[in-house]
Each structure stands twice: as structure tokens, then as C-alpha cells.
PDB file of N, CA and C in Angstrom:
ATOM      1  N   MET A   1       7.418 -26.218  -4.581  1.00  0.00           N
ATOM      2  CA  MET A   1       6.449 -27.166  -3.907  1.00  0.00           C
ATOM      3  C   MET A   1       5.812 -26.507  -2.799  1.00  0.00           C
ATOM      4  N   LEU A   2       6.456 -25.774  -2.015  1.00  0.00           N
ATOM      5  CA  LEU A   2       5.934 -25.087  -0.825  1.00  0.00           C
ATOM      6  C   LEU A   2       4.890 -24.012  -1.345  1.00  0.00           C
ATOM      7  N   LEU A   3       5.218 -23.305  -2.302  1.00  0.00           N
ATOM      8  CA  LEU A   3       4.226 -22.376  -2.815  1.00  0.00           C
ATOM      9  C   LEU A   3       2.963 -22.918  -3.318  1.00  0.00           C
ATOM     10  N   PHE A   4       3.045 -24.089  -3.972  1.00  0.00           N
ATOM     11  CA  PHE A   4       1.876 -24.891  -4.393  1.00  0.00           C
ATOM     12  C   PHE A   4       1.012 -25.237  -3.216  1.00  0.00           C
ATOM     13  N   MET A   5       1.685 -25.784  -2.173  1.00  0.00           N
ATOM     14  CA  MET A   5       0.931 -26.331  -1.027  1.00  0.00           C
ATOM     15  C   MET A   5       0.249 -25.101  -0.283  1.00  0.00           C
ATOM     16  N   VAL A   6       0.885 -24.054  -0.199  1.00  0.00           N
ATOM     17  CA  VAL A   6       0.333 -22.943   0.555  1.00  0.00           C
ATOM     18  C   VAL A   6      -0.808 -22.313  -0.219  1.00  0.00           C
ATOM     19  N   ARG A   7      -0.646 -22.240  -1.542  1.00  0.00           N
ATOM     20  CA  ARG A   7      -1.659 -21.640  -2.358  1.00  0.00           C
ATOM     21  C   ARG A   7      -2.995 -22.487  -2.444  1.00  0.00           C
ATOM     22  N   SER A   8      -2.902 -23.796  -2.123  1.00  0.00           N
ATOM     23  CA  SER A   8      -3.981 -24.727  -2.035  1.00  0.00           C
ATOM     24  C   SER A   8      -4.730 -24.520  -0.811  1.00  0.00           C
ATOM     25  N   LEU A   9      -4.116 -23.887   0.159  1.00  0.00           N
ATOM     26  CA  LEU A   9      -4.826 -23.834   1.492  1.00  0.00           C
ATOM     27  C   LEU A   9      -5.554 -22.498   1.690  1.00  0.00           C
ATOM     28  N   VAL A  10      -5.155 -21.487   0.853  1.00  0.00           N
ATOM     29  CA  VAL A  10      -5.730 -20.160   1.200  1.00  0.00           C
ATOM     30  C   VAL A  10      -6.814 -19.710   0.158  1.00  0.00           C
ATOM     31  N   ASP A  11      -7.518 -18.626   0.501  1.00  0.00           N
ATOM     32  CA  ASP A  11      -8.475 -18.093  -0.434  1.00  0.00           C
ATOM     33  C   ASP A  11      -7.946 -17.076  -1.425  1.00  0.00           C
ATOM     34  N   ASP A  12      -7.025 -16.210  -0.865  1.00  0.00           N
ATOM     35  CA  ASP A  12      -6.334 -15.191  -1.711  1.00  0.00           C
ATOM     36  C   ASP A  12      -4.927 -15.737  -2.241  1.00  0.00           C
ATOM     37  N   ARG A  13      -5.081 -16.437  -3.327  1.00  0.00           N
ATOM     38  CA  ARG A  13      -3.829 -17.155  -3.893  1.00  0.00           C
ATOM     39  C   ARG A  13      -2.811 -16.121  -4.385  1.00  0.00           C
ATOM     40  N   GLU A  14      -3.261 -14.896  -4.697  1.00  0.00           N
ATOM     41  CA  GLU A  14      -2.360 -13.964  -5.431  1.00  0.00           C
ATOM     42  C   GLU A  14      -1.433 -13.345  -4.212  1.00  0.00           C
ATOM     43  N   ALA A  15      -1.953 -13.318  -2.992  1.00  0.00           N
ATOM     44  CA  ALA A  15      -1.214 -12.741  -1.903  1.00  0.00           C
ATOM     45  C   ALA A  15      -0.042 -13.603  -1.360  1.00  0.00           C
ATOM     46  N   VAL A  16      -0.001 -14.802  -1.727  1.00  0.00           N
ATOM     47  CA  VAL A  16       0.999 -15.780  -1.311  1.00  0.00           C
ATOM     48  C   VAL A  16       2.391 -15.481  -2.002  1.00  0.00           C
ATOM     49  N   GLU A  17       3.389 -15.364  -1.076  1.00  0.00           N
ATOM     50  CA  GLU A  17       4.770 -15.142  -1.486  1.00  0.00           C
ATOM     51  C   GLU A  17       5.681 -16.108  -0.704  1.00  0.00           C
ATOM     52  N   VAL A  18       6.564 -16.763  -1.381  1.00  0.00           N
ATOM     53  CA  VAL A  18       7.613 -17.625  -0.654  1.00  0.00           C
ATOM     54  C   VAL A  18       9.001 -17.065  -1.136  1.00  0.00           C
ATOM     55  N   ASP A  19       9.705 -16.637  -0.124  1.00  0.00           N
ATOM     56  CA  ASP A  19      11.000 -16.090  -0.389  1.00  0.00           C
ATOM     57  C   ASP A  19      12.090 -17.139   0.113  1.00  0.00           C
ATOM     58  N   GLU A  20      13.084 -17.447  -0.645  1.00  0.00           N
ATOM     59  CA  GLU A  20      14.118 -18.374  -0.238  1.00  0.00           C
ATOM     60  C   GLU A  20      15.388 -17.572   0.044  1.00  0.00           C
ATOM     61  N   ILE A  21      15.836 -17.853   1.247  1.00  0.00           N
ATOM     62  CA  ILE A  21      17.032 -17.106   1.841  1.00  0.00           C
ATOM     63  C   ILE A  21      18.131 -18.224   2.223  1.00  0.00           C
ATOM     64  N   GLU A  22      19.220 -18.097   1.795  1.00  0.00           N
ATOM     65  CA  GLU A  22      20.352 -18.994   2.181  1.00  0.00           C
ATOM     66  C   GLU A  22      21.253 -18.331   3.260  1.00  0.00           C
ATOM     67  N   GLU A  23      21.283 -18.984   4.417  1.00  0.00           N
ATOM     68  CA  GLU A  23      22.120 -18.484   5.480  1.00  0.00           C
ATOM     69  C   GLU A  23      23.081 -19.599   5.958  1.00  0.00           C
ATOM     70  N   ASP A  24      24.378 -19.420   5.669  1.00  0.00           N
ATOM     71  CA  ASP A  24      25.377 -20.400   5.989  1.00  0.00           C
ATOM     72  C   ASP A  24      24.985 -21.761   5.415  1.00  0.00           C
ATOM     73  N   ASP A  25      24.685 -22.718   6.241  1.00  0.00           N
ATOM     74  CA  ASP A  25      24.327 -24.051   5.805  1.00  0.00           C
ATOM     75  C   ASP A  25      22.777 -24.262   5.884  1.00  0.00           C
ATOM     76  N   ASP A  26      22.067 -23.152   6.227  1.00  0.00           N
ATOM     77  CA  ASP A  26      20.614 -23.317   6.377  1.00  0.00           C
ATOM     78  C   ASP A  26      19.962 -22.690   5.110  1.00  0.00           C
ATOM     79  N   LEU A  27      18.759 -23.316   4.862  1.00  0.00           N
ATOM     80  CA  LEU A  27      17.850 -22.689   3.848  1.00  0.00           C
ATOM     81  C   LEU A  27      16.615 -22.347   4.544  1.00  0.00           C
ATOM     82  N   VAL A  28      16.303 -21.033   4.375  1.00  0.00           N
ATOM     83  CA  VAL A  28      15.042 -20.411   5.116  1.00  0.00           C
ATOM     84  C   VAL A  28      14.052 -20.041   4.082  1.00  0.00           C
ATOM     85  N   TYR A  29      12.842 -20.522   4.190  1.00  0.00           N
ATOM     86  CA  TYR A  29      11.726 -20.112   3.337  1.00  0.00           C
ATOM     87  C   TYR A  29      10.773 -19.200   4.216  1.00  0.00           C
ATOM     88  N   GLU A  30      10.570 -18.036   3.814  1.00  0.00           N
ATOM     89  CA  GLU A  30       9.681 -17.062   4.370  1.00  0.00           C
ATOM     90  C   GLU A  30       8.370 -17.023   3.620  1.00  0.00           C
ATOM     91  N   VAL A  31       7.314 -17.381   4.231  1.00  0.00           N
ATOM     92  CA  VAL A  31       6.020 -17.526   3.578  1.00  0.00           C
ATOM     93  C   VAL A  31       5.215 -16.325   4.047  1.00  0.00           C
ATOM     94  N   THR A  32       4.605 -15.573   3.143  1.00  0.00           N
ATOM     95  CA  THR A  32       3.742 -14.470   3.455  1.00  0.00           C
ATOM     96  C   THR A  32       2.447 -14.721   2.798  1.00  0.00           C
ATOM     97  N   VAL A  33       1.346 -14.572   3.583  1.00  0.00           N
ATOM     98  CA  VAL A  33      -0.047 -14.701   3.069  1.00  0.00           C
ATOM     99  C   VAL A  33      -0.966 -13.525   3.458  1.00  0.00           C
ATOM    100  N   ALA A  34      -2.143 -13.429   2.883  1.00  0.00           N
ATOM    101  CA  ALA A  34      -3.059 -12.381   3.361  1.00  0.00           C
ATOM    102  C   ALA A  34      -3.377 -12.622   4.842  1.00  0.00           C
ATOM    103  N   GLU A  35      -3.739 -11.535   5.554  1.00  0.00           N
ATOM    104  CA  GLU A  35      -4.047 -11.536   6.908  1.00  0.00           C
ATOM    105  C   GLU A  35      -5.219 -12.446   7.223  1.00  0.00           C
ATOM    106  N   ASP A  36      -6.182 -12.614   6.330  1.00  0.00           N
ATOM    107  CA  ASP A  36      -7.326 -13.323   6.551  1.00  0.00           C
ATOM    108  C   ASP A  36      -7.036 -14.880   6.434  1.00  0.00           C
ATOM    109  N   ASP A  37      -5.967 -15.150   5.739  1.00  0.00           N
ATOM    110  CA  ASP A  37      -5.555 -16.568   5.509  1.00  0.00           C
ATOM    111  C   ASP A  37      -4.486 -17.093   6.396  1.00  0.00           C
ATOM    112  N   LEU A  38      -4.019 -16.178   7.342  1.00  0.00           N
ATOM    113  CA  LEU A  38      -2.936 -16.634   8.226  1.00  0.00           C
ATOM    114  C   LEU A  38      -3.302 -17.789   9.116  1.00  0.00           C
ATOM    115  N   GLY A  39      -4.586 -17.781   9.699  1.00  0.00           N
ATOM    116  CA  GLY A  39      -5.069 -18.957  10.438  1.00  0.00           C
ATOM    117  C   GLY A  39      -5.095 -20.197   9.732  1.00  0.00           C
ATOM    118  N   ARG A  40      -5.371 -20.228   8.450  1.00  0.00           N
ATOM    119  CA  ARG A  40      -5.478 -21.497   7.654  1.00  0.00           C
ATOM    120  C   ARG A  40      -4.072 -22.024   7.386  1.00  0.00           C
ATOM    121  N   VAL A  41      -3.161 -21.128   7.244  1.00  0.00           N
ATOM    122  CA  VAL A  41      -1.710 -21.764   6.999  1.00  0.00           C
ATOM    123  C   VAL A  41      -1.101 -22.137   8.341  1.00  0.00           C
ATOM    124  N   ILE A  42      -1.404 -21.582   9.514  1.00  0.00           N
ATOM    125  CA  ILE A  42      -0.857 -22.027  10.680  1.00  0.00           C
ATOM    126  C   ILE A  42      -1.655 -23.285  11.277  1.00  0.00           C
ATOM    127  N   GLY A  43      -2.908 -23.245  11.135  1.00  0.00           N
ATOM    128  CA  GLY A  43      -3.834 -24.367  11.527  1.00  0.00           C
ATOM    129  C   GLY A  43      -3.995 -24.348  13.041  1.00  0.00           C
ATOM    130  N   ARG A  44      -4.943 -25.226  13.393  1.00  0.00           N
ATOM    131  CA  ARG A  44      -5.277 -25.333  14.806  1.00  0.00           C
ATOM    132  C   ARG A  44      -4.156 -25.918  15.687  1.00  0.00           C
ATOM    133  N   GLY A  45      -3.569 -25.170  16.545  1.00  0.00           N
ATOM    134  CA  GLY A  45      -2.466 -25.704  17.255  1.00  0.00           C
ATOM    135  C   GLY A  45      -1.159 -25.809  16.542  1.00  0.00           C
ATOM    136  N   GLY A  46      -1.103 -25.118  15.328  1.00  0.00           N
ATOM    137  CA  GLY A  46       0.030 -25.157  14.588  1.00  0.00           C
ATOM    138  C   GLY A  46       0.240 -26.392  13.768  1.00  0.00           C
ATOM    139  N   ARG A  47      -0.717 -27.231  13.578  1.00  0.00           N
ATOM    140  CA  ARG A  47      -0.617 -28.545  12.865  1.00  0.00           C
ATOM    141  C   ARG A  47      -0.314 -28.394  11.399  1.00  0.00           C
ATOM    142  N   VAL A  48      -0.953 -27.350  10.746  1.00  0.00           N
ATOM    143  CA  VAL A  48      -0.714 -27.208   9.322  1.00  0.00           C
ATOM    144  C   VAL A  48       0.771 -26.642   9.140  1.00  0.00           C
ATOM    145  N   ALA A  49       1.174 -25.697   9.890  1.00  0.00           N
ATOM    146  CA  ALA A  49       2.488 -25.203   9.883  1.00  0.00           C
ATOM    147  C   ALA A  49       3.557 -26.269  10.051  1.00  0.00           C
ATOM    148  N   LYS A  50       3.337 -27.205  11.084  1.00  0.00           N
ATOM    149  CA  LYS A  50       4.335 -28.182  11.302  1.00  0.00           C
ATOM    150  C   LYS A  50       4.319 -29.225  10.132  1.00  0.00           C
ATOM    151  N   ALA A  51       3.157 -29.545   9.503  1.00  0.00           N
ATOM    152  CA  ALA A  51       3.158 -30.369   8.352  1.00  0.00           C
ATOM    153  C   ALA A  51       4.001 -29.772   7.162  1.00  0.00           C
ATOM    154  N   LEU A  52       3.756 -28.434   6.920  1.00  0.00           N
ATOM    155  CA  LEU A  52       4.523 -27.731   5.908  1.00  0.00           C
ATOM    156  C   LEU A  52       5.967 -27.895   6.119  1.00  0.00           C
ATOM    157  N   ARG A  53       6.407 -27.692   7.373  1.00  0.00           N
ATOM    158  CA  ARG A  53       7.831 -27.767   7.654  1.00  0.00           C
ATOM    159  C   ARG A  53       8.382 -29.149   7.532  1.00  0.00           C
ATOM    160  N   THR A  54       7.534 -30.154   7.861  1.00  0.00           N
ATOM    161  CA  THR A  54       7.975 -31.551   7.649  1.00  0.00           C
ATOM    162  C   THR A  54       8.176 -31.847   6.237  1.00  0.00           C
ATOM    163  N   VAL A  55       7.307 -31.472   5.309  1.00  0.00           N
ATOM    164  CA  VAL A  55       7.391 -31.710   4.029  1.00  0.00           C
ATOM    165  C   VAL A  55       8.537 -30.990   3.358  1.00  0.00           C
ATOM    166  N   ALA A  56       8.804 -29.782   3.737  1.00  0.00           N
ATOM    167  CA  ALA A  56      10.001 -28.973   3.241  1.00  0.00           C
ATOM    168  C   ALA A  56      11.244 -29.676   3.677  1.00  0.00           C
ATOM    169  N   ARG A  57      11.400 -30.104   4.921  1.00  0.00           N
ATOM    170  CA  ARG A  57      12.529 -30.757   5.240  1.00  0.00           C
ATOM    171  C   ARG A  57      12.760 -32.199   4.448  1.00  0.00           C
ATOM    172  N   ALA A  58      11.658 -32.880   4.190  1.00  0.00           N
ATOM    173  CA  ALA A  58      11.848 -34.112   3.559  1.00  0.00           C
ATOM    174  C   ALA A  58      12.207 -33.973   1.998  1.00  0.00           C
ATOM    175  N   ALA A  59      11.794 -32.799   1.391  1.00  0.00           N
ATOM    176  CA  ALA A  59      12.151 -32.489   0.037  1.00  0.00           C
ATOM    177  C   ALA A  59      13.567 -31.840  -0.144  1.00  0.00           C
ATOM    178  N   ALA A  60      14.207 -31.558   0.991  1.00  0.00           N
ATOM    179  CA  ALA A  60      15.640 -30.989   0.934  1.00  0.00           C
ATOM    180  C   ALA A  60      16.488 -31.867   0.126  1.00  0.00           C
ATOM    181  N   GLN A  61      17.267 -31.360  -0.837  1.00  0.00           N
ATOM    182  CA  GLN A  61      18.171 -32.149  -1.679  1.00  0.00           C
ATOM    183  C   GLN A  61      19.355 -32.678  -0.984  1.00  0.00           C
ATOM    184  N   ASP A  62      19.804 -31.985  -0.026  1.00  0.00           N
ATOM    185  CA  ASP A  62      20.980 -32.477   0.631  1.00  0.00           C
ATOM    186  C   ASP A  62      20.796 -32.370   2.087  1.00  0.00           C
ATOM    187  N   ASP A  63      21.789 -32.453   2.926  1.00  0.00           N
ATOM    188  CA  ASP A  63      21.665 -32.571   4.272  1.00  0.00           C
ATOM    189  C   ASP A  63      21.593 -31.053   4.914  1.00  0.00           C
ATOM    190  N   ARG A  64      21.160 -30.158   4.196  1.00  0.00           N
ATOM    191  CA  ARG A  64      20.941 -28.797   4.813  1.00  0.00           C
ATOM    192  C   ARG A  64      19.785 -28.697   5.709  1.00  0.00           C
ATOM    193  N   ARG A  65      19.821 -27.769   6.761  1.00  0.00           N
ATOM    194  CA  ARG A  65      18.760 -27.574   7.603  1.00  0.00           C
ATOM    195  C   ARG A  65      17.812 -26.672   6.950  1.00  0.00           C
ATOM    196  N   VAL A  66      16.527 -27.035   6.861  1.00  0.00           N
ATOM    197  CA  VAL A  66      15.449 -26.217   6.176  1.00  0.00           C
ATOM    198  C   VAL A  66      14.543 -25.599   7.243  1.00  0.00           C
ATOM    199  N   LEU A  67      14.286 -24.317   7.152  1.00  0.00           N
ATOM    200  CA  LEU A  67      13.398 -23.631   8.088  1.00  0.00           C
ATOM    201  C   LEU A  67      12.299 -23.008   7.168  1.00  0.00           C
ATOM    202  N   VAL A  68      11.072 -23.066   7.776  1.00  0.00           N
ATOM    203  CA  VAL A  68       9.894 -22.373   7.102  1.00  0.00           C
ATOM    204  C   VAL A  68       9.358 -21.458   8.066  1.00  0.00           C
ATOM    205  N   ASP A  69       9.486 -20.136   7.807  1.00  0.00           N
ATOM    206  CA  ASP A  69       8.937 -19.029   8.727  1.00  0.00           C
ATOM    207  C   ASP A  69       7.630 -18.548   8.061  1.00  0.00           C
ATOM    208  N   ILE A  70       6.580 -18.480   8.810  1.00  0.00           N
ATOM    209  CA  ILE A  70       5.388 -17.894   8.380  1.00  0.00           C
ATOM    210  C   ILE A  70       5.318 -16.474   8.929  1.00  0.00           C
ATOM    211  N   LEU A  71       5.264 -15.550   8.129  1.00  0.00           N
ATOM    212  CA  LEU A  71       5.316 -14.067   8.389  1.00  0.00           C
ATOM    213  C   LEU A  71       3.908 -13.498   8.483  1.00  0.00           C
ATOM    214  N   ASP A  72       3.730 -12.672   9.564  1.00  0.00           N
ATOM    215  CA  ASP A  72       2.368 -12.027   9.546  1.00  0.00           C
ATOM    216  C   ASP A  72       2.476 -10.587   9.143  1.00  0.00           C
TER     217      ASP A  72
END
């Protein structure tokens, strides 16, 4: 789901990667995009990034903590 949302935001869809990492009780998603698309994924004042994090937490299947890191 996160991959689909990020790909719909960017111009270079092939450069989008989402890696899932499990750490203890946390689930971490590392999102990598092309350098030119980084601003689109973060958004003005971080609004888009915050929205992506909110949707990812809402979609969590259990009471695990979900983190979304946008890597540059």
C-alpha cells in the first residue's frame, strides 16, 4: 500500500523502493525515491510525509508501532 501511494506522488516511479524492517515490536518502512522527487514525498512543511505515516499506522494489522523513514 505504501509503495502504491509513494509511486503515485513521484515522476520517476522506477526509483521508488520500500524496504520493510522488523525491529523488536516495531515495523520500520524505509522509503527511497529519486533525488528530484524527494520534495514531493516530504511535502510542504512535511505534510505529505505525515499523511503517509498516518495511513501506514492505520493499516497496521496489530498493535505494533509503525515507522516510516524517508531516506535521501
